[in-house]
Amino acid sequence: MRALSALIVAAVTLSSTALAADYGGSVAYRGGAAHPYDSVPAERREVPWTGRVPACDDPAVLSRIRERFASTEARYWSSSLNITSFEHIRSLGYRPWGASYIPRRFCEARSRTSDGRKRTVYYSVREDLGLAGWGWSVEWCVSGLDRSYAYDGHCRAARP
């Protein structure tokens, strides 16, 4: 069943137009919008989103961050550092750029790491950006531990 679902997702993805691409710059279309999708909520598109993403304090979200952080530390930095707990979890925004974009929930939490320090974790939970566009995914950044500067040294790029 999962293979069939993946095949259907691949077929739809490969046969449909690039909905997110902006090849024409800022061109006015009928109705005054800069792009036909600027005024259409993501739930009403050809390939709609539901707008449902897990909450910031969802145990599955926090578990995924904890597991991937430990894996990244071990694999790339030869470190045994891991996240032991989360506290003061709060939402920073839901769909901060408007309804026509892929649904994202931005969050912030204080974490305690295995070295005893408290660090801020910024993360976003995103709909349909999981494996092959199926399910939700989470991107995260631990402030002060973004050693590759993928999100800027203080995780600025991980926030809305």
N, C-alpha and C. Protein backbone atom coordinates (compact mmCIF):
# COMPACT_ATOMS: atom_id res chain seq x y z
N MET A 1 0.82 -1.19 0.00
CA MET A 1 0.00 0.00 0.00
C MET A 1 0.87 1.26 0.00
N ARG A 2 1.95 1.22 0.80
CA ARG A 2 2.84 2.37 0.89
C ARG A 2 3.56 2.58 -0.45
N ALA A 3 3.92 1.48 -1.10
CA ALA A 3 4.58 1.60 -2.40
C ALA A 3 3.63 2.20 -3.43
N LEU A 4 2.38 1.79 -3.38
CA LEU A 4 1.38 2.36 -4.29
C LEU A 4 1.21 3.85 -4.03
N SER A 5 1.15 4.24 -2.76
CA SER A 5 1.02 5.67 -2.41
C SER A 5 2.21 6.46 -2.92
N ALA A 6 3.41 5.91 -2.74
CA ALA A 6 4.62 6.59 -3.21
C ALA A 6 4.61 6.72 -4.73
N LEU A 7 4.12 5.69 -5.42
CA LEU A 7 4.04 5.73 -6.88
C LEU A 7 3.06 6.80 -7.34
N ILE A 8 1.92 6.89 -6.68
CA ILE A 8 0.93 7.91 -7.03
C ILE A 8 1.47 9.30 -6.79
N VAL A 9 2.13 9.51 -5.65
CA VAL A 9 2.72 10.82 -5.35
C VAL A 9 3.76 11.18 -6.39
N ALA A 10 4.60 10.23 -6.78
CA ALA A 10 5.63 10.49 -7.80
C ALA A 10 4.99 10.83 -9.14
N ALA A 11 3.95 10.11 -9.52
CA ALA A 11 3.29 10.37 -10.81
C ALA A 11 2.65 11.75 -10.83
N VAL A 12 1.98 12.11 -9.76
CA VAL A 12 1.34 13.43 -9.69
C VAL A 12 2.40 14.53 -9.70
N THR A 13 3.47 14.32 -8.96
CA THR A 13 4.54 15.32 -8.89
C THR A 13 5.21 15.52 -10.24
N LEU A 14 5.49 14.43 -10.94
CA LEU A 14 6.20 14.54 -12.21
C LEU A 14 5.31 15.02 -13.34
N SER A 15 4.00 14.81 -13.24
CA SER A 15 3.13 15.18 -14.35
C SER A 15 2.49 16.56 -14.18
N SER A 16 2.54 17.13 -12.99
CA SER A 16 1.91 18.44 -12.78
C SER A 16 2.90 19.57 -13.01
N THR A 17 2.38 20.76 -13.14
CA THR A 17 3.24 21.93 -13.35
C THR A 17 3.90 22.32 -12.05
N ALA A 18 4.92 23.12 -12.15
CA ALA A 18 5.64 23.60 -10.97
C ALA A 18 4.83 24.70 -10.31
N LEU A 19 4.03 24.33 -9.33
CA LEU A 19 3.13 25.29 -8.71
C LEU A 19 3.87 26.36 -7.92
N ALA A 20 5.02 26.03 -7.36
CA ALA A 20 5.72 26.98 -6.51
C ALA A 20 6.71 27.84 -7.29
N ALA A 21 6.97 27.50 -8.54
CA ALA A 21 7.97 28.25 -9.31
C ALA A 21 7.44 29.61 -9.71
N ASP A 22 8.32 30.58 -9.76
CA ASP A 22 7.96 31.93 -10.18
C ASP A 22 8.90 32.31 -11.30
N TYR A 23 8.53 31.95 -12.52
CA TYR A 23 9.40 32.20 -13.66
C TYR A 23 9.20 33.57 -14.28
N GLY A 24 8.07 34.21 -13.98
CA GLY A 24 7.74 35.45 -14.68
C GLY A 24 8.01 36.72 -13.91
N GLY A 25 8.58 36.63 -12.73
CA GLY A 25 8.79 37.85 -11.95
C GLY A 25 7.47 38.35 -11.40
N SER A 26 7.36 39.63 -11.21
CA SER A 26 6.15 40.22 -10.64
C SER A 26 5.26 40.73 -11.77
N VAL A 27 4.42 39.85 -12.28
CA VAL A 27 3.52 40.18 -13.38
C VAL A 27 2.11 40.24 -12.82
N ALA A 28 1.37 41.27 -13.17
CA ALA A 28 -0.01 41.40 -12.69
C ALA A 28 -0.93 40.54 -13.54
N TYR A 29 -1.79 39.75 -12.90
CA TYR A 29 -2.78 38.93 -13.56
C TYR A 29 -4.15 39.53 -13.30
N ARG A 30 -5.16 38.98 -13.97
CA ARG A 30 -6.52 39.46 -13.73
C ARG A 30 -6.84 39.38 -12.24
N GLY A 31 -7.47 40.40 -11.75
CA GLY A 31 -7.81 40.43 -10.33
C GLY A 31 -6.79 41.21 -9.53
N GLY A 32 -5.70 41.64 -10.16
CA GLY A 32 -4.72 42.48 -9.49
C GLY A 32 -3.65 41.74 -8.71
N ALA A 33 -3.77 40.42 -8.54
CA ALA A 33 -2.75 39.68 -7.79
C ALA A 33 -1.49 39.58 -8.62
N ALA A 34 -0.34 39.54 -7.97
CA ALA A 34 0.94 39.44 -8.67
C ALA A 34 1.10 38.06 -9.28
N HIS A 35 0.47 37.06 -8.77
CA HIS A 35 0.54 35.70 -9.26
C HIS A 35 -0.81 35.06 -8.99
N PRO A 36 -1.29 34.18 -9.86
CA PRO A 36 -2.61 33.60 -9.65
C PRO A 36 -2.77 32.92 -8.29
N TYR A 37 -1.68 32.40 -7.72
CA TYR A 37 -1.78 31.69 -6.45
C TYR A 37 -1.62 32.59 -5.24
N ASP A 38 -1.29 33.87 -5.43
CA ASP A 38 -1.09 34.76 -4.29
C ASP A 38 -2.35 34.92 -3.44
N SER A 39 -3.51 34.85 -4.04
CA SER A 39 -4.74 35.06 -3.29
C SER A 39 -5.50 33.76 -3.02
N VAL A 40 -4.97 32.63 -3.43
CA VAL A 40 -5.65 31.35 -3.25
C VAL A 40 -5.03 30.62 -2.06
N PRO A 41 -5.82 30.33 -1.03
CA PRO A 41 -5.27 29.57 0.09
C PRO A 41 -4.74 28.22 -0.38
N ALA A 42 -3.72 27.74 0.26
CA ALA A 42 -3.09 26.49 -0.14
C ALA A 42 -4.06 25.31 -0.15
N GLU A 43 -5.10 25.37 0.69
CA GLU A 43 -6.07 24.27 0.74
C GLU A 43 -6.94 24.19 -0.50
N ARG A 44 -6.99 25.21 -1.34
CA ARG A 44 -7.86 25.20 -2.52
C ARG A 44 -7.09 25.04 -3.83
N ARG A 45 -5.85 24.63 -3.79
CA ARG A 45 -5.06 24.46 -5.00
C ARG A 45 -5.31 23.10 -5.64
N GLU A 46 -4.67 22.89 -6.81
CA GLU A 46 -4.79 21.59 -7.51
C GLU A 46 -4.34 20.45 -6.61
N VAL A 47 -3.21 20.64 -5.96
CA VAL A 47 -2.69 19.66 -5.01
C VAL A 47 -2.79 20.34 -3.65
N PRO A 48 -3.93 20.21 -2.97
CA PRO A 48 -4.16 21.01 -1.77
C PRO A 48 -3.43 20.48 -0.53
N TRP A 49 -3.24 21.39 0.41
CA TRP A 49 -2.75 21.04 1.73
C TRP A 49 -3.94 21.09 2.67
N THR A 50 -3.83 20.41 3.78
CA THR A 50 -4.93 20.40 4.74
C THR A 50 -4.82 21.55 5.73
N GLY A 51 -3.62 22.06 5.92
CA GLY A 51 -3.42 23.10 6.92
C GLY A 51 -3.23 22.55 8.31
N ARG A 52 -3.19 21.23 8.43
CA ARG A 52 -3.02 20.60 9.75
C ARG A 52 -1.58 20.14 9.91
N VAL A 53 -0.90 20.72 10.87
CA VAL A 53 0.45 20.29 11.23
C VAL A 53 0.46 20.07 12.74
N PRO A 54 1.30 19.17 13.23
CA PRO A 54 1.33 18.91 14.67
C PRO A 54 1.66 20.17 15.47
N ALA A 55 1.22 20.19 16.71
CA ALA A 55 1.48 21.31 17.61
C ALA A 55 2.96 21.33 18.02
N CYS A 56 3.40 22.46 18.52
CA CYS A 56 4.79 22.62 18.94
C CYS A 56 5.18 21.62 20.03
N ASP A 57 4.25 21.30 20.92
CA ASP A 57 4.56 20.40 22.03
C ASP A 57 4.17 18.95 21.77
N ASP A 58 3.88 18.61 20.53
CA ASP A 58 3.53 17.24 20.16
C ASP A 58 4.73 16.33 20.47
N PRO A 59 4.52 15.23 21.22
CA PRO A 59 5.63 14.34 21.56
C PRO A 59 6.37 13.77 20.34
N ALA A 60 5.67 13.54 19.24
CA ALA A 60 6.33 13.02 18.04
C ALA A 60 7.30 14.04 17.45
N VAL A 61 6.94 15.31 17.49
CA VAL A 61 7.81 16.37 16.99
C VAL A 61 9.06 16.47 17.84
N LEU A 62 8.88 16.53 19.16
CA LEU A 62 10.01 16.66 20.08
C LEU A 62 10.92 15.43 20.02
N SER A 63 10.32 14.26 19.86
CA SER A 63 11.11 13.03 19.74
C SER A 63 11.96 13.04 18.48
N ARG A 64 11.38 13.50 17.37
CA ARG A 64 12.13 13.56 16.11
C ARG A 64 13.31 14.52 16.22
N ILE A 65 13.10 15.67 16.86
CA ILE A 65 14.20 16.62 17.05
C ILE A 65 15.29 15.99 17.91
N ARG A 66 14.89 15.36 19.00
CA ARG A 66 15.84 14.73 19.92
C ARG A 66 16.67 13.66 19.21
N GLU A 67 16.01 12.79 18.44
CA GLU A 67 16.70 11.71 17.74
C GLU A 67 17.64 12.24 16.66
N ARG A 68 17.19 13.18 15.87
CA ARG A 68 18.03 13.70 14.78
C ARG A 68 19.18 14.54 15.31
N PHE A 69 18.97 15.24 16.41
CA PHE A 69 20.07 16.01 17.01
C PHE A 69 21.18 15.06 17.46
N ALA A 70 20.81 14.00 18.18
CA ALA A 70 21.80 13.03 18.65
C ALA A 70 22.52 12.37 17.48
N SER A 71 21.77 12.02 16.44
CA SER A 71 22.36 11.39 15.26
C SER A 71 23.35 12.32 14.56
N THR A 72 22.97 13.59 14.40
CA THR A 72 23.84 14.56 13.74
C THR A 72 25.10 14.80 14.55
N GLU A 73 24.95 14.95 15.85
CA GLU A 73 26.12 15.17 16.72
C GLU A 73 27.10 13.99 16.63
N ALA A 74 26.57 12.78 16.66
CA ALA A 74 27.43 11.59 16.60
C ALA A 74 28.08 11.43 15.23
N ARG A 75 27.30 11.58 14.18
CA ARG A 75 27.79 11.32 12.83
C ARG A 75 28.77 12.37 12.33
N TYR A 76 28.44 13.64 12.50
CA TYR A 76 29.25 14.70 11.90
C TYR A 76 30.25 15.34 12.84
N TRP A 77 29.97 15.32 14.14
CA TRP A 77 30.83 16.04 15.07
C TRP A 77 31.49 15.11 16.09
N SER A 78 31.31 13.80 15.96
CA SER A 78 31.88 12.81 16.88
C SER A 78 31.62 13.21 18.33
N SER A 79 30.40 13.61 18.60
CA SER A 79 30.01 14.09 19.92
C SER A 79 28.91 13.21 20.47
N SER A 80 28.91 13.01 21.78
CA SER A 80 27.84 12.24 22.42
C SER A 80 26.76 13.16 22.99
N LEU A 81 26.80 14.43 22.64
CA LEU A 81 25.84 15.40 23.13
C LEU A 81 24.43 15.05 22.65
N ASN A 82 23.46 15.13 23.54
CA ASN A 82 22.07 14.91 23.16
C ASN A 82 21.16 15.81 23.97
N ILE A 83 19.92 15.92 23.53
CA ILE A 83 18.92 16.72 24.22
C ILE A 83 18.22 15.83 25.23
N THR A 84 18.24 16.26 26.49
CA THR A 84 17.62 15.44 27.54
C THR A 84 16.20 15.87 27.86
N SER A 85 15.88 17.17 27.67
CA SER A 85 14.51 17.61 27.96
C SER A 85 14.19 18.91 27.23
N PHE A 86 12.88 19.15 27.10
CA PHE A 86 12.37 20.40 26.52
C PHE A 86 11.47 21.06 27.56
N GLU A 87 11.50 22.39 27.60
CA GLU A 87 10.60 23.14 28.48
C GLU A 87 10.30 24.50 27.86
N HIS A 88 9.33 25.19 28.39
CA HIS A 88 8.93 26.51 27.89
C HIS A 88 8.71 26.49 26.37
N ILE A 89 7.95 25.52 25.92
CA ILE A 89 7.66 25.37 24.49
C ILE A 89 6.59 26.38 24.11
N ARG A 90 6.83 27.11 23.02
CA ARG A 90 5.84 28.09 22.58
C ARG A 90 5.85 28.24 21.07
N SER A 91 4.72 28.66 20.55
CA SER A 91 4.58 28.89 19.11
C SER A 91 5.06 30.30 18.78
N LEU A 92 5.83 30.41 17.68
CA LEU A 92 6.27 31.72 17.20
C LEU A 92 5.41 32.20 16.05
N GLY A 93 4.65 31.30 15.45
CA GLY A 93 3.78 31.70 14.35
C GLY A 93 3.31 30.51 13.55
N TYR A 94 2.12 30.66 13.00
CA TYR A 94 1.56 29.65 12.11
C TYR A 94 1.23 30.34 10.80
N ARG A 95 1.85 29.89 9.73
CA ARG A 95 1.67 30.48 8.40
C ARG A 95 1.96 31.99 8.42
N PRO A 96 3.14 32.38 8.86
CA PRO A 96 3.42 33.82 9.00
C PRO A 96 3.45 34.57 7.67
N TRP A 97 3.61 33.87 6.56
CA TRP A 97 3.70 34.55 5.26
C TRP A 97 2.37 34.52 4.50
N GLY A 98 1.33 33.96 5.11
CA GLY A 98 0.03 33.96 4.46
C GLY A 98 -0.48 32.57 4.14
N ALA A 99 -1.75 32.52 3.75
CA ALA A 99 -2.43 31.25 3.50
C ALA A 99 -2.04 30.59 2.19
N SER A 100 -1.38 31.30 1.29
CA SER A 100 -1.05 30.70 0.00
C SER A 100 0.26 29.93 0.02
N TYR A 101 0.95 29.89 1.15
CA TYR A 101 2.21 29.16 1.27
C TYR A 101 1.99 27.83 1.96
N ILE A 102 2.96 26.92 1.81
CA ILE A 102 2.87 25.62 2.46
C ILE A 102 2.72 25.84 3.97
N PRO A 103 1.76 25.17 4.59
CA PRO A 103 1.54 25.36 6.03
C PRO A 103 2.77 24.99 6.86
N ARG A 104 3.19 25.93 7.70
CA ARG A 104 4.32 25.75 8.60
C ARG A 104 3.95 26.32 9.96
N ARG A 105 4.41 25.66 11.00
CA ARG A 105 4.26 26.17 12.36
C ARG A 105 5.67 26.38 12.91
N PHE A 106 5.98 27.60 13.31
CA PHE A 106 7.29 27.92 13.86
C PHE A 106 7.23 27.90 15.38
N CYS A 107 8.24 27.30 16.00
CA CYS A 107 8.22 27.09 17.44
C CYS A 107 9.58 27.40 18.07
N GLU A 108 9.53 27.57 19.38
CA GLU A 108 10.74 27.81 20.16
C GLU A 108 10.60 27.04 21.46
N ALA A 109 11.70 26.47 21.94
CA ALA A 109 11.68 25.76 23.22
C ALA A 109 13.05 25.90 23.88
N ARG A 110 13.06 25.80 25.19
CA ARG A 110 14.32 25.72 25.92
C ARG A 110 14.61 24.24 26.08
N SER A 111 15.85 23.87 25.83
CA SER A 111 16.22 22.47 25.98
C SER A 111 17.38 22.36 26.95
N ARG A 112 17.47 21.22 27.58
CA ARG A 112 18.64 20.93 28.40
C ARG A 112 19.39 19.83 27.66
N THR A 113 20.68 20.04 27.48
CA THR A 113 21.50 19.05 26.78
C THR A 113 22.28 18.22 27.80
N SER A 114 22.84 17.13 27.33
CA SER A 114 23.51 16.19 28.23
C SER A 114 24.74 16.78 28.93
N ASP A 115 25.22 17.92 28.48
CA ASP A 115 26.33 18.58 29.18
C ASP A 115 25.82 19.50 30.29
N GLY A 116 24.49 19.50 30.53
CA GLY A 116 23.90 20.27 31.60
C GLY A 116 23.52 21.69 31.24
N ARG A 117 23.81 22.13 30.04
CA ARG A 117 23.51 23.51 29.63
C ARG A 117 22.09 23.62 29.08
N LYS A 118 21.52 24.82 29.24
CA LYS A 118 20.22 25.12 28.64
C LYS A 118 20.48 25.87 27.34
N ARG A 119 19.78 25.43 26.29
CA ARG A 119 19.94 26.05 24.98
C ARG A 119 18.55 26.24 24.36
N THR A 120 18.44 27.26 23.52
CA THR A 120 17.17 27.50 22.82
C THR A 120 17.15 26.71 21.52
N VAL A 121 16.04 26.05 21.27
CA VAL A 121 15.84 25.30 20.03
C VAL A 121 14.75 26.01 19.24
N TYR A 122 15.04 26.33 17.99
CA TYR A 122 14.04 26.90 17.08
C TYR A 122 13.71 25.82 16.07
N TYR A 123 12.44 25.61 15.80
CA TYR A 123 12.07 24.58 14.84
C TYR A 123 10.78 24.94 14.12
N SER A 124 10.61 24.33 12.95
CA SER A 124 9.38 24.51 12.20
C SER A 124 8.85 23.14 11.80
N VAL A 125 7.55 22.98 11.96
CA VAL A 125 6.86 21.76 11.56
C VAL A 125 6.14 22.09 10.28
N ARG A 126 6.40 21.29 9.22
CA ARG A 126 5.91 21.63 7.88
C ARG A 126 5.08 20.50 7.30
N GLU A 127 3.97 20.86 6.70
CA GLU A 127 3.08 19.85 6.12
C GLU A 127 3.58 19.38 4.76
N ASP A 128 3.45 18.08 4.54
CA ASP A 128 3.77 17.43 3.25
C ASP A 128 5.19 17.69 2.76
N LEU A 129 6.11 17.89 3.66
CA LEU A 129 7.51 18.03 3.26
C LEU A 129 8.34 16.90 3.85
N GLY A 130 7.68 15.79 4.16
CA GLY A 130 8.36 14.60 4.62
C GLY A 130 8.92 13.85 3.42
N LEU A 131 9.26 12.60 3.61
CA LEU A 131 9.83 11.77 2.56
C LEU A 131 8.88 11.72 1.37
N ALA A 132 9.33 12.10 0.21
CA ALA A 132 8.56 12.12 -1.05
C ALA A 132 7.29 12.95 -0.93
N GLY A 133 7.34 13.98 -0.10
CA GLY A 133 6.18 14.86 0.04
C GLY A 133 5.04 14.25 0.82
N TRP A 134 5.32 13.24 1.61
CA TRP A 134 4.28 12.53 2.33
C TRP A 134 4.45 12.78 3.83
N GLY A 135 3.43 13.24 4.48
CA GLY A 135 3.49 13.47 5.92
C GLY A 135 4.13 14.81 6.27
N TRP A 136 4.37 15.02 7.53
CA TRP A 136 4.97 16.27 8.00
C TRP A 136 6.46 16.06 8.25
N SER A 137 7.17 17.16 8.33
CA SER A 137 8.59 17.09 8.66
C SER A 137 8.91 18.22 9.62
N VAL A 138 10.08 18.16 10.20
CA VAL A 138 10.51 19.20 11.13
C VAL A 138 11.94 19.60 10.81
N GLU A 139 12.19 20.89 10.77
CA GLU A 139 13.55 21.43 10.67
C GLU A 139 13.84 22.09 11.99
N TRP A 140 15.05 21.94 12.49
CA TRP A 140 15.37 22.46 13.81
C TRP A 140 16.78 23.04 13.83
N CYS A 141 17.01 23.90 14.80
CA CYS A 141 18.33 24.49 15.01
C CYS A 141 18.50 24.74 16.51
N VAL A 142 19.60 24.28 17.07
CA VAL A 142 19.91 24.52 18.47
C VAL A 142 20.88 25.69 18.53
N SER A 143 20.45 26.78 19.14
CA SER A 143 21.26 28.00 19.18
C SER A 143 22.61 27.73 19.85
N GLY A 144 23.65 28.15 19.17
CA GLY A 144 25.01 27.93 19.67
C GLY A 144 25.61 26.62 19.22
N LEU A 145 24.81 25.74 18.62
CA LEU A 145 25.32 24.45 18.15
C LEU A 145 25.08 24.23 16.67
N ASP A 146 24.85 25.29 15.92
CA ASP A 146 24.71 25.20 14.46
C ASP A 146 26.12 25.33 13.88
N ARG A 147 26.88 24.27 14.04
CA ARG A 147 28.30 24.30 13.70
C ARG A 147 28.57 24.49 12.22
N SER A 148 27.64 24.11 11.38
CA SER A 148 27.83 24.29 9.93
C SER A 148 27.23 25.61 9.46
N TYR A 149 26.67 26.39 10.37
CA TYR A 149 26.05 27.69 10.08
C TYR A 149 24.96 27.59 9.01
N ALA A 150 24.27 26.48 8.97
CA ALA A 150 23.18 26.30 8.01
C ALA A 150 22.03 27.27 8.28
N TYR A 151 21.83 27.64 9.53
CA TYR A 151 20.74 28.55 9.90
C TYR A 151 21.27 29.86 10.48
N ASP A 152 22.51 30.18 10.22
CA ASP A 152 23.19 31.33 10.81
C ASP A 152 23.62 30.90 12.21
N GLY A 153 24.63 31.51 12.73
CA GLY A 153 25.17 31.10 14.02
C GLY A 153 24.16 31.10 15.16
N HIS A 154 23.17 31.95 15.11
CA HIS A 154 22.18 32.03 16.19
C HIS A 154 20.79 31.62 15.72
N CYS A 155 20.74 30.77 14.71
CA CYS A 155 19.49 30.19 14.21
C CYS A 155 18.50 31.21 13.66
N ARG A 156 18.97 32.33 13.18
CA ARG A 156 18.05 33.34 12.65
C ARG A 156 17.25 32.83 11.45
N ALA A 157 17.85 32.00 10.62
CA ALA A 157 17.16 31.50 9.42
C ALA A 157 16.14 30.41 9.75
N ALA A 158 16.11 29.92 10.97
CA ALA A 158 15.14 28.90 11.37
C ALA A 158 13.88 29.51 11.96
N ARG A 159 13.84 30.83 12.05
CA ARG A 159 12.68 31.54 12.63
C ARG A 159 11.85 32.17 11.52
N PRO A 160 10.60 32.53 11.83
CA PRO A 160 9.77 33.15 10.78
C PRO A 160 10.26 34.53 10.38
